[in-house]
Amino acid sequence: MSVYEHVGPNRVRTPSGSELELVGRAGLVLYRDGERLEVDSEMLDPPMTIAVYVRSVPSFAAVPARSVLDEIVAALKWMGFTVELIGALA
């Protein structure tokens, strides 16, 4: 797969086949390689701006947190969001 696509009202499939879901005004879930990764975020003003709390980005054996974060940011930007990263990876 080489394109992003909407697979639900608040859900997008990435080129890698992962899916990112916005959960209300706060929270994201990335479904990747059979894992459900919850990430802290919140909608900001102006509209279509979202803060992602970097330290909440999990990593798992095969994928470092930086890769997970990059995938989340790319998907959010494709959805039309301006992304603010809060904090730094540990």
PDB file of N, CA and C in Angstrom:
ATOM      1  N   MET A   1       0.851  -1.169   0.000  1.00  0.00           N
ATOM      2  CA  MET A   1       0.000   0.000   0.000  1.00  0.00           C
ATOM      3  C   MET A   1       0.898   1.232   0.000  1.00  0.00           C
ATOM      4  N   SER A   2       0.557   2.234  -0.778  1.00  0.00           N
ATOM      5  CA  SER A   2       1.419   3.408  -0.855  1.00  0.00           C
ATOM      6  C   SER A   2       0.678   4.721  -0.605  1.00  0.00           C
ATOM      7  N   VAL A   3      -0.559   4.660  -0.146  1.00  0.00           N
ATOM      8  CA  VAL A   3      -1.329   5.874   0.093  1.00  0.00           C
ATOM      9  C   VAL A   3      -2.045   5.781   1.444  1.00  0.00           C
ATOM     10  N   TYR A   4      -2.432   6.951   1.938  1.00  0.00           N
ATOM     11  CA  TYR A   4      -3.274   6.998   3.133  1.00  0.00           C
ATOM     12  C   TYR A   4      -4.716   6.858   2.691  1.00  0.00           C
ATOM     13  N   GLU A   5      -5.568   6.341   3.575  1.00  0.00           N
ATOM     14  CA  GLU A   5      -6.995   6.292   3.265  1.00  0.00           C
ATOM     15  C   GLU A   5      -7.813   6.326   4.554  1.00  0.00           C
ATOM     16  N   HIS A   6      -8.969   6.982   4.466  1.00  0.00           N
ATOM     17  CA  HIS A   6      -9.891   6.985   5.590  1.00  0.00           C
ATOM     18  C   HIS A   6     -10.579   5.625   5.659  1.00  0.00           C
ATOM     19  N   VAL A   7     -10.620   5.055   6.859  1.00  0.00           N
ATOM     20  CA  VAL A   7     -11.296   3.775   7.050  1.00  0.00           C
ATOM     21  C   VAL A   7     -12.397   3.894   8.103  1.00  0.00           C
ATOM     22  N   GLY A   8     -12.693   5.117   8.496  1.00  0.00           N
ATOM     23  CA  GLY A   8     -13.741   5.413   9.459  1.00  0.00           C
ATOM     24  C   GLY A   8     -13.773   6.910   9.660  1.00  0.00           C
ATOM     25  N   PRO A   9     -14.762   7.408  10.399  1.00  0.00           N
ATOM     26  CA  PRO A   9     -14.892   8.850  10.559  1.00  0.00           C
ATOM     27  C   PRO A   9     -13.689   9.499  11.244  1.00  0.00           C
ATOM     28  N   ASN A  10     -13.023   8.806  12.135  1.00  0.00           N
ATOM     29  CA  ASN A  10     -11.867   9.352  12.852  1.00  0.00           C
ATOM     30  C   ASN A  10     -10.671   8.416  12.752  1.00  0.00           C
ATOM     31  N   ARG A  11     -10.614   7.680  11.659  1.00  0.00           N
ATOM     32  CA  ARG A  11      -9.587   6.640  11.529  1.00  0.00           C
ATOM     33  C   ARG A  11      -8.994   6.661  10.133  1.00  0.00           C
ATOM     34  N   VAL A  12      -7.661   6.515  10.067  1.00  0.00           N
ATOM     35  CA  VAL A  12      -6.960   6.540   8.790  1.00  0.00           C
ATOM     36  C   VAL A  12      -5.981   5.365   8.746  1.00  0.00           C
ATOM     37  N   ARG A  13      -5.856   4.766   7.577  1.00  0.00           N
ATOM     38  CA  ARG A  13      -4.870   3.701   7.360  1.00  0.00           C
ATOM     39  C   ARG A  13      -3.640   4.326   6.711  1.00  0.00           C
ATOM     40  N   THR A  14      -2.472   4.010   7.244  1.00  0.00           N
ATOM     41  CA  THR A  14      -1.209   4.555   6.738  1.00  0.00           C
ATOM     42  C   THR A  14      -0.671   3.662   5.616  1.00  0.00           C
ATOM     43  N   PRO A  15       0.320   4.157   4.887  1.00  0.00           N
ATOM     44  CA  PRO A  15       0.909   3.336   3.825  1.00  0.00           C
ATOM     45  C   PRO A  15       1.484   2.008   4.320  1.00  0.00           C
ATOM     46  N   SER A  16       1.883   1.937   5.584  1.00  0.00           N
ATOM     47  CA  SER A  16       2.438   0.691   6.127  1.00  0.00           C
ATOM     48  C   SER A  16       1.353  -0.299   6.530  1.00  0.00           C
ATOM     49  N   GLY A  17       0.088   0.145   6.496  1.00  0.00           N
ATOM     50  CA  GLY A  17      -1.011  -0.730   6.892  1.00  0.00           C
ATOM     51  C   GLY A  17      -1.467  -0.532   8.324  1.00  0.00           C
ATOM     52  N   SER A  18      -0.758   0.299   9.086  1.00  0.00           N
ATOM     53  CA  SER A  18      -1.198   0.634  10.441  1.00  0.00           C
ATOM     54  C   SER A  18      -2.432   1.523  10.347  1.00  0.00           C
ATOM     55  N   GLU A  19      -3.178   1.623  11.448  1.00  0.00           N
ATOM     56  CA  GLU A  19      -4.333   2.511  11.482  1.00  0.00           C
ATOM     57  C   GLU A  19      -4.235   3.425  12.693  1.00  0.00           C
ATOM     58  N   LEU A  20      -4.519   4.710  12.469  1.00  0.00           N
ATOM     59  CA  LEU A  20      -4.517   5.706  13.532  1.00  0.00           C
ATOM     60  C   LEU A  20      -5.946   6.164  13.750  1.00  0.00           C
ATOM     61  N   GLU A  21      -6.383   6.128  15.007  1.00  0.00           N
ATOM     62  CA  GLU A  21      -7.738   6.544  15.362  1.00  0.00           C
ATOM     63  C   GLU A  21      -7.680   7.686  16.364  1.00  0.00           C
ATOM     64  N   LEU A  22      -8.421   8.750  16.097  1.00  0.00           N
ATOM     65  CA  LEU A  22      -8.585   9.841  17.050  1.00  0.00           C
ATOM     66  C   LEU A  22      -9.723   9.461  17.982  1.00  0.00           C
ATOM     67  N   VAL A  23      -9.466   9.540  19.282  1.00  0.00           N
ATOM     68  CA  VAL A  23     -10.449   9.137  20.280  1.00  0.00           C
ATOM     69  C   VAL A  23     -10.959  10.387  20.980  1.00  0.00           C
ATOM     70  N   GLY A  24     -12.045  10.938  20.495  1.00  0.00           N
ATOM     71  CA  GLY A  24     -12.609  12.151  21.078  1.00  0.00           C
ATOM     72  C   GLY A  24     -11.667  13.332  20.953  1.00  0.00           C
ATOM     73  N   ARG A  25     -11.727  14.252  21.925  1.00  0.00           N
ATOM     74  CA  ARG A  25     -10.866  15.442  21.897  1.00  0.00           C
ATOM     75  C   ARG A  25      -9.492  15.166  22.501  1.00  0.00           C
ATOM     76  N   ALA A  26      -9.352  14.029  23.148  1.00  0.00           N
ATOM     77  CA  ALA A  26      -8.072  13.698  23.778  1.00  0.00           C
ATOM     78  C   ALA A  26      -7.787  12.214  23.576  1.00  0.00           C
ATOM     79  N   GLY A  27      -6.651  11.937  23.001  1.00  0.00           N
ATOM     80  CA  GLY A  27      -6.220  10.554  22.853  1.00  0.00           C
ATOM     81  C   GLY A  27      -6.179  10.072  21.419  1.00  0.00           C
ATOM     82  N   LEU A  28      -5.172   9.269  21.151  1.00  0.00           N
ATOM     83  CA  LEU A  28      -4.994   8.616  19.858  1.00  0.00           C
ATOM     84  C   LEU A  28      -4.732   7.143  20.123  1.00  0.00           C
ATOM     85  N   VAL A  29      -5.097   6.310  19.167  1.00  0.00           N
ATOM     86  CA  VAL A  29      -4.742   4.902  19.232  1.00  0.00           C
ATOM     87  C   VAL A  29      -4.142   4.529  17.889  1.00  0.00           C
ATOM     88  N   LEU A  30      -2.950   3.952  17.929  1.00  0.00           N
ATOM     89  CA  LEU A  30      -2.312   3.442  16.724  1.00  0.00           C
ATOM     90  C   LEU A  30      -2.386   1.926  16.778  1.00  0.00           C
ATOM     91  N   TYR A  31      -2.980   1.337  15.767  1.00  0.00           N
ATOM     92  CA  TYR A  31      -3.040  -0.114  15.630  1.00  0.00           C
ATOM     93  C   TYR A  31      -1.936  -0.505  14.665  1.00  0.00           C
ATOM     94  N   ARG A  32      -0.922  -1.202  15.189  1.00  0.00           N
ATOM     95  CA  ARG A  32       0.252  -1.517  14.373  1.00  0.00           C
ATOM     96  C   ARG A  32       0.759  -2.918  14.710  1.00  0.00           C
ATOM     97  N   ASP A  33       0.898  -3.721  13.691  1.00  0.00           N
ATOM     98  CA  ASP A  33       1.443  -5.082  13.861  1.00  0.00           C
ATOM     99  C   ASP A  33       0.728  -5.860  14.958  1.00  0.00           C
ATOM    100  N   GLY A  34      -0.594  -5.755  15.001  1.00  0.00           N
ATOM    101  CA  GLY A  34      -1.383  -6.476  15.990  1.00  0.00           C
ATOM    102  C   GLY A  34      -1.380  -5.860  17.378  1.00  0.00           C
ATOM    103  N   GLU A  35      -0.712  -4.743  17.552  1.00  0.00           N
ATOM    104  CA  GLU A  35      -0.651  -4.056  18.849  1.00  0.00           C
ATOM    105  C   GLU A  35      -1.592  -2.861  18.849  1.00  0.00           C
ATOM    106  N   ARG A  36      -2.127  -2.533  20.015  1.00  0.00           N
ATOM    107  CA  ARG A  36      -2.958  -1.342  20.203  1.00  0.00           C
ATOM    108  C   ARG A  36      -2.162  -0.383  21.077  1.00  0.00           C
ATOM    109  N   LEU A  37      -1.670   0.709  20.495  1.00  0.00           N
ATOM    110  CA  LEU A  37      -0.802   1.640  21.194  1.00  0.00           C
ATOM    111  C   LEU A  37      -1.563   2.930  21.492  1.00  0.00           C
ATOM    112  N   GLU A  38      -1.767   3.225  22.775  1.00  0.00           N
ATOM    113  CA  GLU A  38      -2.472   4.437  23.173  1.00  0.00           C
ATOM    114  C   GLU A  38      -1.476   5.572  23.373  1.00  0.00           C
ATOM    115  N   VAL A  39      -1.822   6.751  22.843  1.00  0.00           N
ATOM    116  CA  VAL A  39      -0.950   7.914  22.915  1.00  0.00           C
ATOM    117  C   VAL A  39      -1.770   9.096  23.428  1.00  0.00           C
ATOM    118  N   ASP A  40      -1.201   9.823  24.384  1.00  0.00           N
ATOM    119  CA  ASP A  40      -1.878  11.003  24.930  1.00  0.00           C
ATOM    120  C   ASP A  40      -1.782  12.158  23.941  1.00  0.00           C
ATOM    121  N   SER A  41      -2.906  12.816  23.737  1.00  0.00           N
ATOM    122  CA  SER A  41      -2.961  13.982  22.855  1.00  0.00           C
ATOM    123  C   SER A  41      -4.159  14.819  23.266  1.00  0.00           C
ATOM    124  N   GLU A  42      -4.231  16.026  22.709  1.00  0.00           N
ATOM    125  CA  GLU A  42      -5.424  16.842  22.922  1.00  0.00           C
ATOM    126  C   GLU A  42      -5.559  17.846  21.791  1.00  0.00           C
ATOM    127  N   MET A  43      -6.816  18.139  21.464  1.00  0.00           N
ATOM    128  CA  MET A  43      -7.109  19.144  20.458  1.00  0.00           C
ATOM    129  C   MET A  43      -6.825  20.518  21.043  1.00  0.00           C
ATOM    130  N   LEU A  44      -6.317  21.404  20.206  1.00  0.00           N
ATOM    131  CA  LEU A  44      -5.989  22.754  20.639  1.00  0.00           C
ATOM    132  C   LEU A  44      -6.748  23.772  19.804  1.00  0.00           C
ATOM    133  N   ASP A  45      -6.626  25.023  20.220  1.00  0.00           N
ATOM    134  CA  ASP A  45      -7.154  26.131  19.444  1.00  0.00           C
ATOM    135  C   ASP A  45      -5.951  26.815  18.819  1.00  0.00           C
ATOM    136  N   PRO A  46      -5.873  27.056  17.558  1.00  0.00           N
ATOM    137  CA  PRO A  46      -6.955  27.061  16.575  1.00  0.00           C
ATOM    138  C   PRO A  46      -7.371  25.644  16.160  1.00  0.00           C
ATOM    139  N   PRO A  47      -8.554  25.557  15.544  1.00  0.00           N
ATOM    140  CA  PRO A  47      -9.042  24.254  15.094  1.00  0.00           C
ATOM    141  C   PRO A  47      -8.032  23.553  14.182  1.00  0.00           C
ATOM    142  N   MET A  48      -8.121  22.253  14.184  1.00  0.00           N
ATOM    143  CA  MET A  48      -7.253  21.375  13.390  1.00  0.00           C
ATOM    144  C   MET A  48      -5.799  21.445  13.862  1.00  0.00           C
ATOM    145  N   THR A  49      -5.622  21.733  15.152  1.00  0.00           N
ATOM    146  CA  THR A  49      -4.306  21.682  15.773  1.00  0.00           C
ATOM    147  C   THR A  49      -4.383  20.646  16.887  1.00  0.00           C
ATOM    148  N   ILE A  50      -3.379  19.797  16.971  1.00  0.00           N
ATOM    149  CA  ILE A  50      -3.382  18.740  17.977  1.00  0.00           C
ATOM    150  C   ILE A  50      -2.010  18.666  18.637  1.00  0.00           C
ATOM    151  N   ALA A  51      -2.016  18.521  19.954  1.00  0.00           N
ATOM    152  CA  ALA A  51      -0.783  18.324  20.713  1.00  0.00           C
ATOM    153  C   ALA A  51      -0.619  16.834  20.955  1.00  0.00           C
ATOM    154  N   VAL A  52       0.573  16.334  20.705  1.00  0.00           N
ATOM    155  CA  VAL A  52       0.892  14.934  20.975  1.00  0.00           C
ATOM    156  C   VAL A  52       1.955  14.928  22.071  1.00  0.00           C
ATOM    157  N   TYR A  53       1.675  14.228  23.162  1.00  0.00           N
ATOM    158  CA  TYR A  53       2.598  14.153  24.283  1.00  0.00           C
ATOM    159  C   TYR A  53       3.594  13.034  24.018  1.00  0.00           C
ATOM    160  N   VAL A  54       4.795  13.439  23.643  1.00  0.00           N
ATOM    161  CA  VAL A  54       5.804  12.528  23.122  1.00  0.00           C
ATOM    162  C   VAL A  54       6.149  11.409  24.098  1.00  0.00           C
ATOM    163  N   ARG A  55       6.240  11.710  25.364  1.00  0.00           N
ATOM    164  CA  ARG A  55       6.624  10.673  26.342  1.00  0.00           C
ATOM    165  C   ARG A  55       5.579   9.585  26.502  1.00  0.00           C
ATOM    166  N   SER A  56       4.382   9.818  25.990  1.00  0.00           N
ATOM    167  CA  SER A  56       3.353   8.780  26.076  1.00  0.00           C
ATOM    168  C   SER A  56       3.420   7.806  24.902  1.00  0.00           C
ATOM    169  N   VAL A  57       4.307   8.066  23.949  1.00  0.00           N
ATOM    170  CA  VAL A  57       4.425   7.202  22.771  1.00  0.00           C
ATOM    171  C   VAL A  57       5.174   5.935  23.168  1.00  0.00           C
ATOM    172  N   PRO A  58       4.497   4.796  23.103  1.00  0.00           N
ATOM    173  CA  PRO A  58       5.159   3.547  23.492  1.00  0.00           C
ATOM    174  C   PRO A  58       6.045   3.019  22.366  1.00  0.00           C
ATOM    175  N   SER A  59       6.983   2.199  22.750  1.00  0.00           N
ATOM    176  CA  SER A  59       7.741   1.458  21.740  1.00  0.00           C
ATOM    177  C   SER A  59       7.594  -0.011  22.104  1.00  0.00           C
ATOM    178  N   PHE A  60       7.767  -0.843  21.136  1.00  0.00           N
ATOM    179  CA  PHE A  60       7.730  -2.267  21.415  1.00  0.00           C
ATOM    180  C   PHE A  60       8.871  -2.917  20.663  1.00  0.00           C
ATOM    181  N   ALA A  61       9.122  -4.153  20.947  1.00  0.00           N
ATOM    182  CA  ALA A  61      10.347  -4.840  20.535  1.00  0.00           C
ATOM    183  C   ALA A  61      10.830  -4.496  19.124  1.00  0.00           C
ATOM    184  N   ALA A  62       9.964  -4.601  18.136  1.00  0.00           N
ATOM    185  CA  ALA A  62      10.413  -4.450  16.752  1.00  0.00           C
ATOM    186  C   ALA A  62      10.458  -2.999  16.272  1.00  0.00           C
ATOM    187  N   VAL A  63       9.776  -2.086  16.987  1.00  0.00           N
ATOM    188  CA  VAL A  63       9.652  -0.719  16.473  1.00  0.00           C
ATOM    189  C   VAL A  63       9.992   0.293  17.562  1.00  0.00           C
ATOM    190  N   PRO A  64      11.002   1.138  17.339  1.00  0.00           N
ATOM    191  CA  PRO A  64      11.333   2.157  18.333  1.00  0.00           C
ATOM    192  C   PRO A  64      10.273   3.259  18.400  1.00  0.00           C
ATOM    193  N   ALA A  65      10.227   3.949  19.540  1.00  0.00           N
ATOM    194  CA  ALA A  65       9.244   5.015  19.748  1.00  0.00           C
ATOM    195  C   ALA A  65       9.345   6.093  18.670  1.00  0.00           C
ATOM    196  N   ARG A  66      10.542   6.421  18.209  1.00  0.00           N
ATOM    197  CA  ARG A  66      10.714   7.455  17.174  1.00  0.00           C
ATOM    198  C   ARG A  66       9.961   7.069  15.908  1.00  0.00           C
ATOM    199  N   SER A  67       9.996   5.818  15.519  1.00  0.00           N
ATOM    200  CA  SER A  67       9.293   5.356  14.324  1.00  0.00           C
ATOM    201  C   SER A  67       7.779   5.458  14.509  1.00  0.00           C
ATOM    202  N   VAL A  68       7.312   5.091  15.701  1.00  0.00           N
ATOM    203  CA  VAL A  68       5.889   5.188  16.018  1.00  0.00           C
ATOM    204  C   VAL A  68       5.446   6.651  15.958  1.00  0.00           C
ATOM    205  N   LEU A  69       6.222   7.540  16.565  1.00  0.00           N
ATOM    206  CA  LEU A  69       5.905   8.961  16.565  1.00  0.00           C
ATOM    207  C   LEU A  69       5.880   9.526  15.145  1.00  0.00           C
ATOM    208  N   ASP A  70       6.867   9.175  14.348  1.00  0.00           N
ATOM    209  CA  ASP A  70       6.919   9.655  12.959  1.00  0.00           C
ATOM    210  C   ASP A  70       5.689   9.222  12.177  1.00  0.00           C
ATOM    211  N   GLU A  71       5.252   7.988  12.390  1.00  0.00           N
ATOM    212  CA  GLU A  71       4.074   7.493  11.687  1.00  0.00           C
ATOM    213  C   GLU A  71       2.809   8.240  12.128  1.00  0.00           C
ATOM    214  N   ILE A  72       2.693   8.502  13.420  1.00  0.00           N
ATOM    215  CA  ILE A  72       1.544   9.243  13.947  1.00  0.00           C
ATOM    216  C   ILE A  72       1.509  10.658  13.381  1.00  0.00           C
ATOM    217  N   VAL A  73       2.635  11.348  13.416  1.00  0.00           N
ATOM    218  CA  VAL A  73       2.693  12.727  12.921  1.00  0.00           C
ATOM    219  C   VAL A  73       2.356  12.779  11.428  1.00  0.00           C
ATOM    220  N   ALA A  74       2.905  11.879  10.653  1.00  0.00           N
ATOM    221  CA  ALA A  74       2.629  11.867   9.207  1.00  0.00           C
ATOM    222  C   ALA A  74       1.144  11.643   8.933  1.00  0.00           C
ATOM    223  N   ALA A  75       0.514  10.731   9.667  1.00  0.00           N
ATOM    224  CA  ALA A  75      -0.908  10.459   9.466  1.00  0.00           C
ATOM    225  C   ALA A  75      -1.755  11.670   9.866  1.00  0.00           C
ATOM    226  N   LEU A  76      -1.420  12.307  10.983  1.00  0.00           N
ATOM    227  CA  LEU A  76      -2.175  13.482  11.413  1.00  0.00           C
ATOM    228  C   LEU A  76      -2.046  14.619  10.405  1.00  0.00           C
ATOM    229  N   LYS A  77      -0.850  14.825   9.885  1.00  0.00           N
ATOM    230  CA  LYS A  77      -0.655  15.878   8.880  1.00  0.00           C
ATOM    231  C   LYS A  77      -1.448  15.552   7.618  1.00  0.00           C
ATOM    232  N   TRP A  78      -1.490  14.287   7.223  1.00  0.00           N
ATOM    233  CA  TRP A  78      -2.284  13.890   6.056  1.00  0.00           C
ATOM    234  C   TRP A  78      -3.764  14.195   6.292  1.00  0.00           C
ATOM    235  N   MET A  79      -4.212  14.038   7.551  1.00  0.00           N
ATOM    236  CA  MET A  79      -5.610  14.315   7.897  1.00  0.00           C
ATOM    237  C   MET A  79      -5.897  15.810   7.948  1.00  0.00           C
ATOM    238  N   GLY A  80      -4.865  16.648   7.851  1.00  0.00           N
ATOM    239  CA  GLY A  80      -5.060  18.090   7.829  1.00  0.00           C
ATOM    240  C   GLY A  80      -4.727  18.797   9.130  1.00  0.00           C
ATOM    241  N   PHE A  81      -4.176  18.087  10.095  1.00  0.00           N
ATOM    242  CA  PHE A  81      -3.858  18.684  11.384  1.00  0.00           C
ATOM    243  C   PHE A  81      -2.493  19.370  11.363  1.00  0.00           C
ATOM    244  N   THR A  82      -2.389  20.432  12.156  1.00  0.00           N
ATOM    245  CA  THR A  82      -1.102  20.984  12.541  1.00  0.00           C
ATOM    246  C   THR A  82      -0.744  20.252  13.818  1.00  0.00           C
ATOM    247  N   VAL A  83       0.470  19.736  13.914  1.00  0.00           N
ATOM    248  CA  VAL A  83       0.866  18.904  15.049  1.00  0.00           C
ATOM    249  C   VAL A  83       1.906  19.625  15.884  1.00  0.00           C
ATOM    250  N   GLU A  84       1.635  19.704  17.187  1.00  0.00           N
ATOM    251  CA  GLU A  84       2.606  20.228  18.145  1.00  0.00           C
ATOM    252  C   GLU A  84       3.082  19.063  18.998  1.00  0.00           C
ATOM    253  N   LEU A  85       4.387  18.871  19.049  1.00  0.00           N
ATOM    254  CA  LEU A  85       4.947  17.812  19.885  1.00  0.00           C
ATOM    255  C   LEU A  85       5.320  18.411  21.227  1.00  0.00           C
ATOM    256  N   ILE A  86       4.833  17.793  22.295  1.00  0.00           N
ATOM    257  CA  ILE A  86       5.075  18.275  23.653  1.00  0.00           C
ATOM    258  C   ILE A  86       6.026  17.292  24.341  1.00  0.00           C
ATOM    259  N   GLY A  87       7.200  17.786  24.757  1.00  0.00           N
ATOM    260  CA  GLY A  87       8.169  16.934  25.434  1.00  0.00           C
ATOM    261  C   GLY A  87       9.143  16.306  24.447  1.00  0.00           C
ATOM    262  N   ALA A  88       9.910  15.368  24.957  1.00  0.00           N
ATOM    263  CA  ALA A  88      10.920  14.676  24.153  1.00  0.00           C
ATOM    264  C   ALA A  88      10.894  13.200  24.490  1.00  0.00           C
ATOM    265  N   LEU A  89      11.376  12.398  23.573  1.00  0.00           N
ATOM    266  CA  LEU A  89      11.467  10.965  23.827  1.00  0.00           C
ATOM    267  C   LEU A  89      12.486  10.713  24.924  1.00  0.00           C
ATOM    268  N   ALA A  90      12.204   9.731  25.745  1.00  0.00           N
ATOM    269  CA  ALA A  90      13.115   9.396  26.853  1.00  0.00           C
ATOM    270  C   ALA A  90      14.369   8.734  26.343  1.00  0.00           C
TER     271      ALA A  90
END
